[in-house]
Amino acid sequence: MLPYILIGILGIVLIILILRFTKEKKSYHKTLEELKEEAKQIKKENTELKQSLSFFTEIEEDSKNINLQEDIEKKESLIQQAATEMWSNDNNGTVKTTGSYQPNVLDSEQIATFNMMEKSNNNIFITGKAGTGKSFLLDVFKHGTHKKTLTVAPTGIAALNVGGATIHSTFGYKNLENISLDELTVFNLFLNEKKKRVLKEIDTLIIDEISMVRADIFDKIEKILKIVNNSEKPFGGKQVIVFGDLFQLPPIPPTETNLLTQYAGNFFFFNSDAYKKGNFRFIELSINHRQDSDPHFFEILNKIREGCFDGSDLEHLNCRFISNKQDLRRVMTLFPTKAQAEKLNKEELSKIEAREYVYKSKITFNAKKTLETHLESNFPISNELHLKRGALVMMVANDLEKRWVNGTLGVVQSLTENSIKVTINGITYDINKMIFSQKEAIFEDGKIIYKDILEIEQYPIVLAYAITIHKSQGMTYKKLACDISQCFAPGQAYVALSRCSNLDGLYLLSKINASGIYTDKNVVEFYKQHSIPPAVKKI
């Protein structure tokens, strides 16, 4: 009996031991699984921590990969050299392009165009694809001309970029917007004597970004020049030179029914009576100076510009589509609308785990109280600048020490309530506040000068995760993202794509469809009428 009892007890003990071992084994395996999960979580957190740390520790490295580094002193030297070359001869200012003397800054088209601008009184329309040197030629002419010139542009920011005044401040807002063309007379012209004096004394009126100037405004400019100069000659006898690419940003048409009828819906300046009667010489520059490192990309851009692209061109561009912008760090995005750009800037700034600082602008001089409104429409600055360490920013003014130019991108290195440090191309700089001014032209001491009428003090910086396509005009970058799916005006898609210097640096946030690329049929027809085959092209 006892052996059976012992055997039973041993069996129970054995069962208990087996159950305990099994339980411990299960517990042991469960612990391993938990350890694996914990290891995964730790690895994920380490990756996120590494990414978070790299966001701040790799500011210097990131800043080296976003700009096309421009030698500002070299550019200014080239402008000076080109202007000097145009007069370094013994033939009364006419450039020799044969023989021992050969200019080497301006190309042959630019040289011939400069000569026409300087040595004739012809009215001229100078156009060309993005990157063909229109702006450089304008700089050289302003620097080297012997004529008294007045330079204007349709917007405040465009006027700042070209170092001139706005069209509306020069010719009078009321004259251009509130009075009909027929009602403009010597008796009701809203223009003070100083502004009239300027329009009498100039030899040449230069208008930049002519694509954005409406036909009715161009007609009024011509009539005002006639009235002020008491002359029935086109533009009152003054030479008019206009610069721009009509395939880029168009004018915003007015809402008045009579104007819509008068200009038949075509509000480009070439549809004005002033242009038709002004006998303008049409000059289209064709030698590319921008995407010369990527000729295939430049060829596709030309097709996009003129609306003659095909499926293979779009397929080539769409290979740059990325499904997740999070894969990009500190790359600026271009959007058609201001609302889209502002939304992305706020979103990206909110993601940065750092203290936010706010810097407010200050009006330091105001000659006309009416100029206080819409500061951000007339100036490239933010009325309230919101920044965090590590934020992507853009410089919006040329540096006096030539360390950066308007449009240069950088990364915020550090902030205090009274200081900003930005790393640009690998070097960290202290950024000081600047005075931004709105100007009007006056005649003084026998020459045209531009006098400040409004001054704003602010840091020359804006957030640059996104800007509008409109504000990007004239800029070029090594890396750039675009979302052109909601383009609503002719030329927007072309302007956005052509801001990038090569296809490898372009990132598309949405694939491009043919229906999203707009080309104005009036512009296409206008250029066709003036096109001359390259083999027989003469200026």
Protein backbone atom coordinates (compact mmCIF):
# COMPACT_ATOMS: atom_id res chain seq x y z
CA MET A 1 0.00 0.00 0.00
CA LEU A 2 2.81 2.38 1.05
CA PRO A 3 4.69 2.03 -2.22
CA TYR A 4 1.50 3.00 -4.09
CA ILE A 5 1.06 6.00 -1.84
CA LEU A 6 4.70 6.99 -2.39
CA ILE A 7 4.32 6.47 -6.09
CA GLY A 8 1.16 8.65 -6.02
CA ILE A 9 2.95 11.36 -4.03
CA LEU A 10 5.92 11.22 -6.40
CA GLY A 11 3.53 11.45 -9.35
CA ILE A 12 1.84 14.50 -7.90
CA VAL A 13 5.21 16.11 -7.19
CA LEU A 14 6.33 15.28 -10.71
CA ILE A 15 3.17 16.78 -12.17
CA ILE A 16 3.64 19.92 -10.06
CA LEU A 17 7.25 20.18 -11.21
CA ILE A 18 6.27 19.69 -14.85
CA LEU A 19 3.51 22.28 -14.57
CA ARG A 20 5.88 24.72 -12.83
CA PHE A 21 8.60 24.14 -15.43
CA THR A 22 6.09 24.58 -18.23
CA LYS A 23 4.79 27.79 -16.63
CA GLU A 24 8.30 29.14 -16.14
CA LYS A 25 9.18 28.17 -19.70
CA LYS A 26 6.13 30.00 -20.97
CA SER A 27 7.01 32.94 -18.76
CA TYR A 28 10.56 32.84 -20.08
CA HIS A 29 9.36 32.87 -23.70
CA LYS A 30 6.94 35.68 -22.96
CA THR A 31 9.79 37.71 -21.48
CA LEU A 32 11.82 37.21 -24.64
CA GLU A 33 8.94 38.46 -26.77
CA GLU A 34 8.59 41.45 -24.51
CA LEU A 35 12.30 42.09 -24.76
CA LYS A 36 12.08 41.95 -28.53
CA GLU A 37 9.24 44.49 -28.55
CA GLU A 38 11.12 46.71 -26.15
CA ALA A 39 14.21 46.47 -28.36
CA LYS A 40 12.15 47.48 -31.39
CA GLN A 41 10.70 50.41 -29.50
CA ILE A 42 14.15 51.49 -28.29
CA LYS A 43 15.51 51.23 -31.83
CA LYS A 44 12.62 53.32 -33.15
CA GLU A 45 13.12 55.91 -30.44
CA ASN A 46 16.86 55.99 -31.13
CA THR A 47 16.18 56.52 -34.83
CA GLU A 48 13.75 59.33 -34.07
CA LEU A 49 16.21 60.82 -31.58
CA LYS A 50 19.00 60.58 -34.14
CA GLN A 51 16.80 62.29 -36.73
CA SER A 52 15.80 64.93 -34.20
CA LEU A 53 19.41 65.55 -33.25
CA SER A 54 20.56 65.61 -36.87
CA PHE A 55 17.94 68.28 -37.61
CA PHE A 56 19.91 70.58 -35.35
CA THR A 57 23.45 69.16 -35.64
CA GLU A 58 23.50 69.08 -39.47
CA ILE A 59 22.40 72.67 -40.04
CA GLU A 60 25.77 73.57 -41.50
CA GLU A 61 25.81 70.60 -43.88
CA ASP A 62 22.24 71.15 -45.06
CA SER A 63 22.95 74.81 -45.76
CA LYS A 64 25.66 73.82 -48.27
CA ASN A 65 23.23 71.91 -50.50
CA ILE A 66 20.39 74.32 -51.18
CA ASN A 67 21.84 77.30 -53.06
CA LEU A 68 23.49 77.86 -56.37
CA GLN A 69 26.39 79.79 -54.91
CA GLU A 70 26.76 83.09 -56.73
CA ASP A 71 29.88 85.20 -56.58
CA ILE A 72 28.28 88.60 -56.06
CA GLU A 73 31.48 90.57 -56.48
CA LYS A 74 32.17 88.70 -59.71
CA LYS A 75 28.70 89.51 -61.04
CA GLU A 76 29.10 93.21 -60.23
CA SER A 77 32.54 93.13 -61.80
CA LEU A 78 31.07 91.54 -64.94
CA ILE A 79 28.39 94.23 -65.14
CA GLN A 80 31.10 96.89 -64.85
CA GLN A 81 33.31 95.11 -67.38
CA ALA A 82 30.45 94.67 -69.85
CA ALA A 83 29.51 98.35 -69.58
CA THR A 84 33.14 99.35 -70.07
CA GLU A 85 33.49 97.08 -73.07
CA MET A 86 30.56 98.76 -74.73
CA TRP A 87 32.48 102.06 -74.72
CA SER A 88 36.12 100.90 -74.92
CA ASN A 89 36.62 101.77 -78.56
CA ASP A 90 37.38 104.66 -80.86
CA ASN A 91 34.20 104.52 -82.93
CA ASN A 92 31.93 106.92 -81.04
CA GLY A 93 30.48 104.26 -78.77
CA THR A 94 29.85 101.57 -81.37
CA VAL A 95 31.15 98.17 -80.33
CA LYS A 96 33.55 96.41 -82.63
CA THR A 97 32.72 92.74 -82.88
CA THR A 98 35.33 91.87 -85.47
CA GLY A 99 39.07 92.29 -85.67
CA SER A 100 41.38 92.41 -82.67
CA TYR A 101 38.74 93.73 -80.24
CA GLN A 102 36.11 91.25 -79.09
CA PRO A 103 33.84 91.79 -76.07
CA ASN A 104 33.58 88.65 -73.93
CA VAL A 105 30.90 89.38 -71.32
CA LEU A 106 27.74 90.10 -73.31
CA ASP A 107 26.87 87.62 -76.03
CA SER A 108 26.37 88.74 -79.63
CA GLU A 109 22.59 89.22 -79.22
CA GLN A 110 23.04 91.31 -76.08
CA ILE A 111 25.71 93.49 -77.72
CA ALA A 112 23.50 94.26 -80.71
CA THR A 113 20.56 94.97 -78.41
CA PHE A 114 22.61 97.28 -76.17
CA ASN A 115 23.70 99.26 -79.21
CA MET A 116 20.10 99.71 -80.34
CA MET A 117 19.06 100.79 -76.84
CA GLU A 118 21.89 103.30 -76.56
CA LYS A 119 22.46 104.53 -80.10
CA SER A 120 18.89 104.85 -81.32
CA ASN A 121 15.60 106.28 -80.12
CA ASN A 122 13.69 103.14 -81.12
CA ASN A 123 11.02 101.80 -78.81
CA ILE A 124 12.05 98.22 -78.00
CA PHE A 125 10.47 95.12 -76.52
CA ILE A 126 13.22 92.81 -75.19
CA THR A 127 12.03 89.30 -74.42
CA GLY A 128 13.40 85.77 -74.23
CA LYS A 129 13.16 82.49 -72.38
CA ALA A 130 14.11 82.22 -68.70
CA GLY A 131 17.88 82.34 -68.35
CA THR A 132 18.70 84.19 -71.58
CA GLY A 133 20.16 87.22 -69.79
CA LYS A 134 17.38 89.83 -69.91
CA SER A 135 18.00 91.03 -66.35
CA PHE A 136 21.77 91.09 -66.82
CA LEU A 137 21.43 93.17 -69.98
CA LEU A 138 19.14 95.59 -68.12
CA ASP A 139 21.75 95.94 -65.34
CA VAL A 140 24.51 96.59 -67.86
CA PHE A 141 22.44 99.20 -69.71
CA LYS A 142 21.49 101.04 -66.51
CA HIS A 143 25.15 101.04 -65.48
CA GLY A 144 26.62 102.00 -68.82
CA THR A 145 24.09 104.21 -70.60
CA HIS A 146 24.69 107.91 -71.24
CA LYS A 147 20.94 108.52 -71.34
CA LYS A 148 18.75 109.80 -68.51
CA THR A 149 16.63 106.75 -67.72
CA LEU A 150 13.65 106.06 -65.47
CA THR A 151 13.11 102.44 -64.42
CA VAL A 152 9.68 101.25 -63.25
CA ALA A 153 7.93 97.94 -62.57
CA PRO A 154 4.30 96.87 -62.01
CA THR A 155 4.66 95.73 -58.37
CA GLY A 156 6.48 96.97 -55.29
CA ILE A 157 8.65 93.87 -55.02
CA ALA A 158 9.52 93.93 -58.73
CA ALA A 159 10.47 97.61 -58.36
CA LEU A 160 12.74 96.79 -55.42
CA ASN A 161 14.41 94.01 -57.42
CA VAL A 162 15.17 96.31 -60.33
CA GLY A 163 16.18 99.29 -58.22
CA GLY A 164 13.38 101.52 -59.49
CA ALA A 165 9.90 102.82 -58.65
CA THR A 166 6.45 101.36 -59.18
CA ILE A 167 4.45 102.32 -62.26
CA HIS A 168 1.58 103.55 -60.06
CA SER A 169 3.75 105.81 -57.89
CA THR A 170 5.37 107.31 -60.99
CA PHE A 171 2.26 107.92 -63.10
CA GLY A 172 -0.29 108.30 -60.31
CA TYR A 173 -2.65 105.66 -58.94
CA LYS A 174 -5.76 107.78 -59.60
CA ASN A 175 -4.66 108.41 -63.19
CA LEU A 176 -4.10 104.72 -63.90
CA GLU A 177 -7.00 103.18 -62.00
CA ASN A 178 -9.74 105.76 -61.38
CA ILE A 179 -9.80 107.89 -64.52
CA SER A 180 -10.71 106.59 -67.96
CA LEU A 181 -8.32 107.04 -70.87
CA ASP A 182 -10.63 109.58 -72.54
CA GLU A 183 -10.89 111.63 -69.33
CA LEU A 184 -7.12 111.97 -68.93
CA THR A 185 -6.35 115.59 -69.87
CA VAL A 186 -3.96 118.32 -68.83
CA PHE A 187 -6.75 119.76 -66.65
CA ASN A 188 -7.47 116.72 -64.47
CA LEU A 189 -4.11 114.94 -64.31
CA PHE A 190 -3.33 113.94 -60.71
CA LEU A 191 0.46 114.39 -60.81
CA ASN A 192 2.56 116.84 -58.83
CA GLU A 193 5.18 119.08 -60.43
CA LYS A 194 8.12 116.95 -59.22
CA LYS A 195 6.77 113.87 -60.96
CA LYS A 196 5.94 115.85 -64.09
CA ARG A 197 9.51 117.16 -64.12
CA VAL A 198 10.86 113.60 -64.11
CA LEU A 199 8.70 112.63 -67.08
CA LYS A 200 9.87 115.72 -68.97
CA GLU A 201 13.58 115.25 -68.29
CA ILE A 202 14.01 111.56 -69.07
CA ASP A 203 15.34 110.27 -72.36
CA THR A 204 14.25 106.68 -71.83
CA LEU A 205 11.52 104.94 -69.84
CA ILE A 206 12.37 101.35 -68.88
CA ILE A 207 9.55 99.02 -67.78
CA ASP A 208 10.52 95.65 -66.30
CA GLU A 209 8.22 92.61 -65.93
CA ILE A 210 6.08 93.93 -68.80
CA SER A 211 4.09 90.67 -68.91
CA MET A 212 2.17 91.87 -65.82
CA VAL A 213 1.30 95.32 -67.25
CA ARG A 214 -2.26 95.58 -68.55
CA ALA A 215 -3.01 97.02 -71.98
CA ASP A 216 -5.18 99.80 -70.55
CA ILE A 217 -2.38 100.83 -68.14
CA PHE A 218 0.11 100.92 -71.03
CA ASP A 219 -2.25 103.18 -73.01
CA LYS A 220 -2.56 105.52 -70.01
CA ILE A 221 1.23 105.64 -69.54
CA GLU A 222 1.57 106.76 -73.14
CA LYS A 223 -1.14 109.42 -72.83
CA ILE A 224 0.33 110.83 -69.60
CA LEU A 225 3.72 111.16 -71.31
CA LYS A 226 2.03 113.00 -74.19
CA ILE A 227 0.23 115.38 -71.81
CA VAL A 228 3.27 116.13 -69.63
CA ASN A 229 5.57 116.66 -72.62
CA ASN A 230 2.94 118.56 -74.65
CA SER A 231 3.61 116.32 -77.62
CA GLU A 232 1.46 114.14 -79.84
CA LYS A 233 4.40 111.90 -80.70
CA PRO A 234 4.13 108.31 -79.39
CA PHE A 235 4.94 108.40 -75.67
CA GLY A 236 5.48 112.15 -75.86
CA GLY A 237 8.66 111.63 -77.86
CA LYS A 238 10.36 109.52 -75.17
CA GLN A 239 12.08 106.22 -75.90
CA VAL A 240 10.36 103.28 -74.19
CA ILE A 241 12.19 99.99 -73.56
CA VAL A 242 10.24 97.14 -72.01
CA PHE A 243 11.64 93.85 -70.65
CA GLY A 244 9.83 90.61 -69.96
CA ASP A 245 8.67 87.20 -71.07
CA LEU A 246 4.98 87.10 -71.96
CA PHE A 247 4.95 83.33 -71.47
CA GLN A 248 5.51 83.96 -67.76
CA LEU A 249 3.11 85.66 -65.33
CA PRO A 250 0.20 87.50 -67.03
CA PRO A 251 -1.55 90.74 -66.02
CA ILE A 252 -4.56 90.57 -63.72
CA PRO A 253 -7.51 91.81 -65.81
CA PRO A 254 -9.82 94.51 -64.40
CA THR A 255 -13.48 93.89 -63.64
CA GLU A 256 -14.90 96.86 -65.57
CA THR A 257 -17.21 95.67 -68.35
CA ASN A 258 -16.26 98.46 -70.74
CA LEU A 259 -12.57 97.57 -70.51
CA LEU A 260 -13.29 93.88 -71.04
CA THR A 261 -15.14 94.85 -74.22
CA GLN A 262 -12.58 97.42 -75.36
CA TYR A 263 -9.63 95.04 -75.18
CA ALA A 264 -11.57 91.92 -76.18
CA GLY A 265 -10.29 89.92 -73.22
CA ASN A 266 -6.65 90.29 -74.26
CA PHE A 267 -5.02 92.45 -71.60
CA PHE A 268 -1.39 91.90 -72.54
CA PHE A 269 0.34 95.20 -73.23
CA PHE A 270 0.86 94.39 -76.93
CA ASN A 271 -2.91 94.67 -77.46
CA SER A 272 -2.82 98.36 -76.52
CA ASP A 273 -3.04 101.17 -79.07
CA ALA A 274 0.18 102.57 -77.58
CA TYR A 275 2.12 99.46 -78.52
CA LYS A 276 0.59 99.22 -81.97
CA LYS A 277 1.39 102.86 -82.78
CA GLY A 278 4.74 102.89 -80.99
CA ASN A 279 6.60 100.99 -83.73
CA PHE A 280 8.33 98.75 -81.17
CA ARG A 281 11.30 96.68 -82.26
CA PHE A 282 10.81 93.08 -81.12
CA ILE A 283 14.01 91.42 -79.84
CA GLU A 284 13.96 87.87 -78.50
CA LEU A 285 17.18 86.76 -76.77
CA SER A 286 17.84 83.07 -77.32
CA ILE A 287 21.26 82.17 -75.86
CA ASN A 288 20.77 80.29 -72.59
CA HIS A 289 22.85 81.22 -69.53
CA ARG A 290 21.03 79.22 -66.84
CA GLN A 291 20.34 75.52 -67.50
CA ASP A 292 23.42 75.10 -69.68
CA SER A 293 24.51 72.14 -67.52
CA ASP A 294 21.29 70.27 -68.39
CA PRO A 295 20.40 71.00 -72.04
CA HIS A 296 17.68 68.31 -72.21
CA PHE A 297 15.87 69.88 -69.26
CA PHE A 298 16.21 73.31 -70.86
CA GLU A 299 14.73 71.94 -74.11
CA ILE A 300 11.71 70.52 -72.25
CA LEU A 301 11.22 73.83 -70.43
CA ASN A 302 11.15 75.64 -73.76
CA LYS A 303 8.41 73.31 -74.95
CA ILE A 304 6.44 73.83 -71.73
CA ARG A 305 6.85 77.60 -72.17
CA GLU A 306 5.39 77.57 -75.67
CA GLY A 307 2.78 74.86 -75.06
CA CYS A 308 4.23 72.42 -77.61
CA PHE A 309 5.30 69.62 -75.24
CA ASP A 310 4.30 65.97 -75.67
CA GLY A 311 3.75 62.91 -73.49
CA SER A 312 7.40 61.92 -73.42
CA ASP A 313 8.34 65.35 -72.08
CA LEU A 314 5.85 65.01 -69.22
CA GLU A 315 7.01 61.46 -68.56
CA HIS A 316 10.59 62.71 -68.28
CA LEU A 317 9.55 65.38 -65.78
CA ASN A 318 7.28 63.06 -63.80
CA CYS A 319 10.19 60.78 -62.99
CA ARG A 320 10.95 63.45 -60.36
CA PHE A 321 7.66 62.80 -58.53
CA ILE A 322 8.01 61.95 -54.83
CA SER A 323 5.08 60.53 -52.87
CA ASN A 324 6.22 61.79 -49.48
CA LYS A 325 7.73 65.22 -48.93
CA GLN A 326 8.92 64.03 -45.51
CA ASP A 327 11.78 62.41 -47.41
CA LEU A 328 13.01 65.93 -48.15
CA ARG A 329 14.52 68.14 -45.50
CA ARG A 330 14.89 71.89 -45.91
CA VAL A 331 13.86 72.03 -49.56
CA MET A 332 11.73 75.01 -50.63
CA THR A 333 8.37 74.35 -52.31
CA LEU A 334 6.68 76.60 -54.87
CA PHE A 335 2.88 76.94 -54.84
CA PRO A 336 0.47 78.84 -57.10
CA THR A 337 -1.31 80.59 -54.23
CA LYS A 338 -0.25 82.56 -51.18
CA ALA A 339 -2.62 80.56 -48.96
CA GLN A 340 -0.90 77.28 -49.88
CA ALA A 341 2.54 78.72 -49.17
CA GLU A 342 1.53 80.24 -45.83
CA LYS A 343 -0.12 76.97 -44.75
CA LEU A 344 3.03 74.91 -45.37
CA ASN A 345 5.28 77.47 -43.66
CA LYS A 346 3.13 77.36 -40.52
CA GLU A 347 2.96 73.55 -40.56
CA GLU A 348 6.72 73.10 -40.94
CA LEU A 349 7.50 75.67 -38.26
CA SER A 350 5.09 73.99 -35.82
CA LYS A 351 6.93 70.66 -36.25
CA ILE A 352 10.21 72.05 -34.91
CA GLU A 353 10.68 71.26 -31.21
CA ALA A 354 12.25 74.55 -30.24
CA ARG A 355 11.22 77.91 -28.80
CA GLU A 356 9.42 80.25 -31.18
CA TYR A 357 10.49 83.88 -31.48
CA VAL A 358 8.47 86.70 -33.06
CA TYR A 359 10.07 89.80 -34.59
CA LYS A 360 7.81 92.73 -35.57
CA SER A 361 8.50 95.26 -38.31
CA LYS A 362 8.58 98.99 -37.57
CA ILE A 363 7.74 101.97 -39.76
CA THR A 364 10.62 104.45 -39.38
CA PHE A 365 9.59 107.00 -42.02
CA ASN A 366 6.35 107.66 -43.86
CA ALA A 367 5.98 110.62 -46.19
CA LYS A 368 2.41 109.62 -47.05
CA LYS A 369 0.14 108.11 -44.41
CA THR A 370 -1.80 106.20 -47.06
CA LEU A 371 1.22 103.96 -47.64
CA GLU A 372 0.86 102.19 -44.26
CA THR A 373 -1.54 99.52 -45.55
CA HIS A 374 -0.64 96.28 -47.34
CA LEU A 375 3.01 96.35 -46.30
CA GLU A 376 3.59 92.71 -47.28
CA SER A 377 2.25 93.43 -50.78
CA ASN A 378 4.81 96.17 -51.38
CA PHE A 379 7.77 94.71 -49.46
CA PRO A 380 9.33 91.22 -49.39
CA ILE A 381 9.40 91.12 -45.56
CA SER A 382 7.00 89.75 -42.94
CA ASN A 383 5.17 92.21 -40.73
CA GLU A 384 5.51 89.60 -37.96
CA LEU A 385 8.42 87.23 -38.49
CA HIS A 386 8.00 83.86 -36.70
CA LEU A 387 11.17 81.77 -36.38
CA LYS A 388 12.62 78.74 -34.58
CA ARG A 389 16.11 77.32 -34.49
CA GLY A 390 16.60 75.02 -37.49
CA ALA A 391 14.00 76.73 -39.68
CA LEU A 392 14.59 77.13 -43.42
CA VAL A 393 14.68 80.83 -44.33
CA MET A 394 15.27 83.07 -47.32
CA MET A 395 17.22 86.31 -47.38
CA VAL A 396 15.12 89.02 -49.03
CA ALA A 397 17.75 91.72 -49.61
CA ASN A 398 21.25 91.96 -51.02
CA ASP A 399 23.90 92.09 -48.32
CA LEU A 400 26.09 95.22 -48.34
CA GLU A 401 29.12 93.01 -47.63
CA LYS A 402 28.12 90.74 -50.55
CA ARG A 403 27.77 87.58 -48.43
CA TRP A 404 24.31 86.79 -49.84
CA VAL A 405 21.74 88.15 -52.28
CA ASN A 406 17.99 88.48 -52.39
CA GLY A 407 16.69 84.89 -52.68
CA THR A 408 19.61 83.12 -50.93
CA LEU A 409 18.44 80.28 -48.65
CA GLY A 410 19.82 79.57 -45.18
CA VAL A 411 19.05 77.77 -41.92
CA VAL A 412 18.49 79.47 -38.56
CA GLN A 413 21.40 78.54 -36.29
CA SER A 414 20.37 80.37 -33.09
CA LEU A 415 17.90 82.97 -31.84
CA THR A 416 17.42 85.39 -28.99
CA GLU A 417 14.87 88.15 -28.58
CA ASN A 418 17.32 90.62 -30.11
CA SER A 419 19.53 88.54 -32.39
CA ILE A 420 19.35 86.08 -35.27
CA LYS A 421 22.15 83.86 -36.56
CA VAL A 422 21.71 82.14 -39.93
CA THR A 423 23.96 79.57 -41.56
CA ILE A 424 24.38 80.17 -45.30
CA ASN A 425 26.47 77.87 -47.49
CA GLY A 426 28.16 76.43 -44.40
CA ILE A 427 29.02 79.73 -42.71
CA THR A 428 27.08 81.26 -39.81
CA TYR A 429 26.35 85.00 -39.86
CA ASP A 430 24.83 87.49 -37.44
CA ILE A 431 21.85 89.03 -39.25
CA ASN A 432 21.08 92.69 -38.60
CA LYS A 433 17.84 94.54 -39.21
CA MET A 434 17.62 96.55 -42.42
CA ILE A 435 15.64 99.47 -43.73
CA PHE A 436 13.36 98.56 -46.64
CA SER A 437 12.12 101.53 -48.61
CA GLN A 438 9.51 102.35 -51.21
CA LYS A 439 10.78 104.92 -53.69
CA GLU A 440 9.56 107.45 -56.18
CA ALA A 441 11.58 109.07 -58.93
CA ILE A 442 12.48 112.77 -58.79
CA PHE A 443 14.69 115.01 -60.92
CA GLU A 444 17.53 116.60 -58.95
CA ASP A 445 20.90 118.10 -59.87
CA GLY A 446 20.38 117.31 -63.53
CA LYS A 447 19.66 113.60 -63.08
CA ILE A 448 16.93 111.14 -62.13
CA ILE A 449 17.19 109.86 -58.55
CA TYR A 450 14.93 107.60 -56.50
CA LYS A 451 13.77 109.15 -53.22
CA ASP A 452 12.44 107.14 -50.25
CA ILE A 453 8.83 107.83 -49.36
CA LEU A 454 8.27 104.94 -46.93
CA GLU A 455 10.82 103.10 -44.76
CA ILE A 456 10.27 99.88 -42.80
CA GLU A 457 12.78 98.30 -40.40
CA GLN A 458 12.83 94.51 -40.20
CA TYR A 459 15.18 91.54 -40.42
CA PRO A 460 15.79 90.68 -44.11
CA ILE A 461 14.44 87.16 -43.64
CA VAL A 462 11.27 85.19 -44.35
CA LEU A 463 10.34 81.55 -43.79
CA ALA A 464 11.17 79.58 -46.92
CA TYR A 465 9.55 76.18 -46.68
CA ALA A 466 7.24 77.56 -49.32
CA ILE A 467 6.83 80.70 -51.43
CA THR A 468 4.48 81.58 -54.26
CA ILE A 469 5.47 81.02 -57.86
CA HIS A 470 4.93 84.74 -58.35
CA LYS A 471 7.62 85.63 -55.76
CA SER A 472 10.06 83.10 -57.20
CA GLN A 473 10.27 84.89 -60.55
CA GLY A 474 13.87 85.71 -61.37
CA MET A 475 15.36 83.22 -58.88
CA THR A 476 17.28 79.99 -59.54
CA TYR A 477 18.00 77.13 -57.12
CA LYS A 478 19.97 73.89 -56.97
CA LYS A 479 17.12 72.04 -55.22
CA LEU A 480 13.44 72.86 -55.43
CA ALA A 481 10.05 71.20 -54.88
CA CYS A 482 6.95 72.18 -56.86
CA ASP A 483 3.23 71.58 -56.60
CA ILE A 484 1.71 72.90 -59.81
CA SER A 485 -1.48 70.82 -59.67
CA GLN A 486 -3.55 73.93 -58.90
CA CYS A 487 -1.98 76.39 -61.32
CA PHE A 488 -4.71 78.79 -62.45
CA ALA A 489 -2.94 81.23 -64.79
CA PRO A 490 -0.91 80.96 -67.99
CA GLY A 491 2.82 80.69 -67.41
CA GLN A 492 2.70 79.62 -63.75
CA ALA A 493 3.84 76.04 -64.36
CA TYR A 494 6.66 77.19 -66.63
CA VAL A 495 7.93 79.78 -64.14
CA ALA A 496 7.91 77.21 -61.32
CA LEU A 497 9.77 74.51 -63.25
CA SER A 498 12.35 76.89 -64.71
CA ARG A 499 13.42 78.11 -61.23
CA CYS A 500 15.48 74.90 -60.87
CA SER A 501 18.90 74.72 -62.51
CA ASN A 502 18.72 71.01 -63.38
CA LEU A 503 16.26 68.13 -63.42
CA ASP A 504 18.07 66.17 -60.68
CA GLY A 505 17.36 68.94 -58.19
CA LEU A 506 13.64 69.12 -59.00
CA TYR A 507 11.04 67.36 -56.83
CA LEU A 508 7.39 67.15 -57.89
CA LEU A 509 4.78 66.81 -55.14
CA SER A 510 2.12 65.97 -57.72
CA LYS A 511 2.47 64.53 -61.18
CA ILE A 512 2.15 66.95 -64.07
CA ASN A 513 -0.84 66.65 -66.38
CA ALA A 514 -1.16 68.37 -69.73
CA SER A 515 -4.40 69.98 -68.54
CA GLY A 516 -2.54 71.77 -65.75
CA ILE A 517 -0.16 73.66 -68.06
CA TYR A 518 -1.65 76.86 -69.42
CA THR A 519 -0.35 78.85 -72.36
CA ASP A 520 -2.23 81.94 -73.51
CA LYS A 521 -3.23 81.60 -77.16
CA ASN A 522 -2.89 85.38 -77.70
CA VAL A 523 0.74 85.23 -76.56
CA VAL A 524 1.49 82.19 -78.74
CA GLU A 525 0.08 83.97 -81.79
CA PHE A 526 1.95 87.20 -80.98
CA TYR A 527 5.30 85.40 -80.80
CA LYS A 528 4.57 83.45 -83.98
CA GLN A 529 4.05 86.74 -85.82
CA HIS A 530 7.46 87.98 -84.69
CA SER A 531 9.49 84.79 -84.87
CA ILE A 532 12.43 84.73 -87.24
CA PRO A 533 14.35 81.53 -88.03
CA PRO A 534 17.74 81.54 -86.22
CA ALA A 535 19.62 81.22 -89.52
CA VAL A 536 18.36 84.61 -90.74
CA LYS A 537 17.84 86.33 -87.37
CA LYS A 538 19.21 89.87 -87.24
CA ILE A 539 18.73 92.65 -84.69
